[in-house]
Structure formats: structure tokens, C-alpha cells
Amino acid sequence: MSRRQRVTTALLLAPLPIAAVLWLPTPWLAAAVAVVLLAGLWEWTRFAGIGKRCRAPSSSPRTRC
């Protein structure tokens, strides 16, 4: 990603959170922040591999995946 593209993206996206802080009522702002944080958490868990399920034998509950 080029520097020009990053700057353009920042200039286009920066007004959104600023406008949200200035004009949204507190409950709506809290909901918007929660949605953004949950989306980031979901993405982070996919990167970390936390969402993968492990099928351990029932006789050894401490088996690592």
C-alpha cells in the first residue's frame, strides 16, 4: 500500500469517528464503539487462531491442540 493511498484513506475515514464523538448521543456512541471493538476482537482471534476448535479425547482433558 502506497503512502499516497494511506493518506487518502486517512483523510476520508478520519471525519467519521470525529463526527460520531461530536454528534452522536452517548448510548449510540457507546454502541458504535462496541461494534467496532467487537469486530476488531473477532479479527484478532482469527489471526491468533483462537477460534479453532480442538477435539481432545475425553480421557485426557489437558490435551493441547
N, C-alpha and C. Protein backbone atom coordinates (compact mmCIF):
# COMPACT_ATOMS: atom_id res chain seq x y z
N MET A 1 0.86 -1.17 0.00
CA MET A 1 0.00 0.00 0.00
C MET A 1 0.91 1.24 0.00
N SER A 2 0.65 2.13 -0.89
CA SER A 2 1.50 3.32 -1.02
C SER A 2 1.14 4.37 0.04
N ARG A 3 2.07 5.27 0.25
CA ARG A 3 1.84 6.35 1.22
C ARG A 3 0.68 7.23 0.78
N ARG A 4 0.59 7.46 -0.52
CA ARG A 4 -0.50 8.30 -1.02
C ARG A 4 -1.86 7.67 -0.73
N GLN A 5 -1.95 6.36 -0.92
CA GLN A 5 -3.20 5.67 -0.66
C GLN A 5 -3.53 5.69 0.83
N ARG A 6 -2.54 5.55 1.69
CA ARG A 6 -2.77 5.60 3.13
C ARG A 6 -3.25 6.97 3.57
N VAL A 7 -2.64 8.01 3.04
CA VAL A 7 -3.04 9.37 3.40
C VAL A 7 -4.46 9.65 2.91
N THR A 8 -4.76 9.23 1.69
CA THR A 8 -6.10 9.43 1.14
C THR A 8 -7.14 8.70 1.99
N THR A 9 -6.84 7.46 2.36
CA THR A 9 -7.77 6.69 3.20
C THR A 9 -7.96 7.37 4.55
N ALA A 10 -6.88 7.85 5.15
CA ALA A 10 -6.99 8.53 6.44
C ALA A 10 -7.83 9.80 6.33
N LEU A 11 -7.63 10.56 5.25
CA LEU A 11 -8.40 11.79 5.08
C LEU A 11 -9.88 11.51 4.87
N LEU A 12 -10.19 10.38 4.25
CA LEU A 12 -11.59 10.04 4.02
C LEU A 12 -12.25 9.43 5.25
N LEU A 13 -11.50 8.66 6.04
CA LEU A 13 -12.09 7.97 7.17
C LEU A 13 -11.99 8.73 8.50
N ALA A 14 -11.08 9.65 8.63
CA ALA A 14 -10.91 10.38 9.89
C ALA A 14 -12.15 11.17 10.31
N PRO A 15 -12.89 11.78 9.41
CA PRO A 15 -14.07 12.53 9.86
C PRO A 15 -15.17 11.68 10.49
N LEU A 16 -15.21 10.38 10.20
CA LEU A 16 -16.28 9.54 10.77
C LEU A 16 -16.23 9.45 12.29
N PRO A 17 -15.11 9.05 12.89
CA PRO A 17 -15.11 8.99 14.36
C PRO A 17 -15.21 10.37 15.01
N ILE A 18 -14.66 11.39 14.36
CA ILE A 18 -14.76 12.75 14.91
C ILE A 18 -16.22 13.19 14.93
N ALA A 19 -16.93 12.97 13.83
CA ALA A 19 -18.35 13.32 13.78
C ALA A 19 -19.16 12.49 14.77
N ALA A 20 -18.81 11.23 14.93
CA ALA A 20 -19.53 10.38 15.88
C ALA A 20 -19.37 10.91 17.30
N VAL A 21 -18.15 11.28 17.67
CA VAL A 21 -17.91 11.81 19.02
C VAL A 21 -18.66 13.12 19.23
N LEU A 22 -18.68 13.95 18.22
CA LEU A 22 -19.31 15.26 18.38
C LEU A 22 -20.83 15.24 18.32
N TRP A 23 -21.41 14.37 17.50
CA TRP A 23 -22.84 14.47 17.25
C TRP A 23 -23.71 13.31 17.71
N LEU A 24 -23.13 12.17 17.99
CA LEU A 24 -23.97 11.05 18.43
C LEU A 24 -24.28 11.16 19.92
N PRO A 25 -25.49 10.81 20.31
CA PRO A 25 -25.80 10.73 21.73
C PRO A 25 -24.95 9.62 22.38
N THR A 26 -24.72 9.73 23.66
CA THR A 26 -23.82 8.81 24.35
C THR A 26 -24.18 7.33 24.15
N PRO A 27 -25.46 6.92 24.28
CA PRO A 27 -25.75 5.50 24.08
C PRO A 27 -25.43 5.01 22.66
N TRP A 28 -25.69 5.85 21.68
CA TRP A 28 -25.38 5.47 20.30
C TRP A 28 -23.87 5.40 20.07
N LEU A 29 -23.15 6.33 20.66
CA LEU A 29 -21.69 6.31 20.55
C LEU A 29 -21.12 5.06 21.22
N ALA A 30 -21.64 4.72 22.37
CA ALA A 30 -21.18 3.51 23.06
C ALA A 30 -21.46 2.27 22.22
N ALA A 31 -22.62 2.22 21.60
CA ALA A 31 -22.95 1.08 20.74
C ALA A 31 -22.03 1.01 19.53
N ALA A 32 -21.74 2.16 18.93
CA ALA A 32 -20.85 2.18 17.77
C ALA A 32 -19.44 1.74 18.15
N VAL A 33 -18.95 2.21 19.28
CA VAL A 33 -17.62 1.81 19.75
C VAL A 33 -17.60 0.32 20.05
N ALA A 34 -18.66 -0.20 20.65
CA ALA A 34 -18.74 -1.62 20.96
C ALA A 34 -18.70 -2.46 19.68
N VAL A 35 -19.42 -2.04 18.66
CA VAL A 35 -19.42 -2.77 17.39
C VAL A 35 -18.03 -2.79 16.77
N VAL A 36 -17.37 -1.65 16.78
CA VAL A 36 -16.02 -1.58 16.20
C VAL A 36 -15.05 -2.44 17.00
N LEU A 37 -15.13 -2.39 18.32
CA LEU A 37 -14.24 -3.19 19.15
C LEU A 37 -14.50 -4.69 18.99
N LEU A 38 -15.76 -5.07 18.91
CA LEU A 38 -16.08 -6.48 18.71
C LEU A 38 -15.61 -6.99 17.35
N ALA A 39 -15.73 -6.15 16.34
CA ALA A 39 -15.23 -6.54 15.01
C ALA A 39 -13.71 -6.71 15.05
N GLY A 40 -13.02 -5.81 15.74
CA GLY A 40 -11.57 -5.93 15.88
C GLY A 40 -11.18 -7.16 16.68
N LEU A 41 -11.91 -7.46 17.74
CA LEU A 41 -11.64 -8.64 18.54
C LEU A 41 -11.83 -9.91 17.73
N TRP A 42 -12.89 -9.96 16.96
CA TRP A 42 -13.16 -11.12 16.12
C TRP A 42 -12.02 -11.32 15.11
N GLU A 43 -11.56 -10.24 14.50
CA GLU A 43 -10.47 -10.33 13.54
C GLU A 43 -9.18 -10.77 14.24
N TRP A 44 -8.91 -10.25 15.42
CA TRP A 44 -7.71 -10.62 16.15
C TRP A 44 -7.72 -12.09 16.53
N THR A 45 -8.88 -12.60 16.96
CA THR A 45 -8.94 -14.01 17.32
C THR A 45 -8.72 -14.90 16.12
N ARG A 46 -9.13 -14.48 14.95
CA ARG A 46 -8.86 -15.26 13.74
C ARG A 46 -7.37 -15.27 13.43
N PHE A 47 -6.70 -14.13 13.57
CA PHE A 47 -5.26 -14.07 13.36
C PHE A 47 -4.52 -14.95 14.36
N ALA A 48 -4.97 -14.95 15.61
CA ALA A 48 -4.30 -15.69 16.67
C ALA A 48 -4.65 -17.18 16.65
N GLY A 49 -5.66 -17.55 15.88
CA GLY A 49 -6.06 -18.95 15.81
C GLY A 49 -6.86 -19.40 17.00
N ILE A 50 -7.45 -18.48 17.73
CA ILE A 50 -8.19 -18.83 18.94
C ILE A 50 -9.52 -19.49 18.59
N GLY A 51 -10.08 -19.18 17.47
CA GLY A 51 -11.38 -19.72 17.10
C GLY A 51 -11.36 -21.18 16.66
N LYS A 52 -10.17 -21.76 16.49
CA LYS A 52 -10.08 -23.15 16.06
C LYS A 52 -10.47 -24.05 17.22
N ARG A 53 -11.30 -25.00 16.94
CA ARG A 53 -11.76 -25.91 17.99
C ARG A 53 -10.86 -27.15 18.00
N CYS A 54 -10.66 -27.67 19.18
CA CYS A 54 -9.83 -28.85 19.37
C CYS A 54 -10.70 -29.99 19.87
N ARG A 55 -10.53 -31.13 19.29
CA ARG A 55 -11.28 -32.30 19.75
C ARG A 55 -10.32 -33.20 20.53
N ALA A 56 -10.28 -32.98 21.82
CA ALA A 56 -9.42 -33.77 22.68
C ALA A 56 -10.15 -35.04 23.12
N PRO A 57 -9.41 -36.11 23.32
CA PRO A 57 -10.05 -37.33 23.83
C PRO A 57 -10.64 -37.08 25.21
N SER A 58 -11.74 -37.73 25.51
CA SER A 58 -12.43 -37.49 26.78
C SER A 58 -11.61 -37.96 27.97
N SER A 59 -10.65 -38.87 27.76
CA SER A 59 -9.85 -39.37 28.88
C SER A 59 -8.73 -38.41 29.29
N SER A 60 -8.35 -37.47 28.40
CA SER A 60 -7.26 -36.54 28.74
C SER A 60 -7.71 -35.12 28.45
N PRO A 61 -8.30 -34.45 29.42
CA PRO A 61 -8.81 -33.07 29.19
C PRO A 61 -7.72 -32.06 28.98
N ARG A 62 -6.45 -32.37 29.29
CA ARG A 62 -5.37 -31.40 29.16
C ARG A 62 -4.64 -31.49 27.83
N THR A 63 -5.17 -32.22 26.89
CA THR A 63 -4.53 -32.35 25.58
C THR A 63 -4.52 -31.02 24.86
N ARG A 64 -3.37 -30.64 24.37
CA ARG A 64 -3.26 -29.38 23.62
C ARG A 64 -3.46 -29.64 22.14
N CYS A 65 -3.92 -28.61 21.44
CA CYS A 65 -4.15 -28.73 20.00
C CYS A 65 -2.95 -28.23 19.22
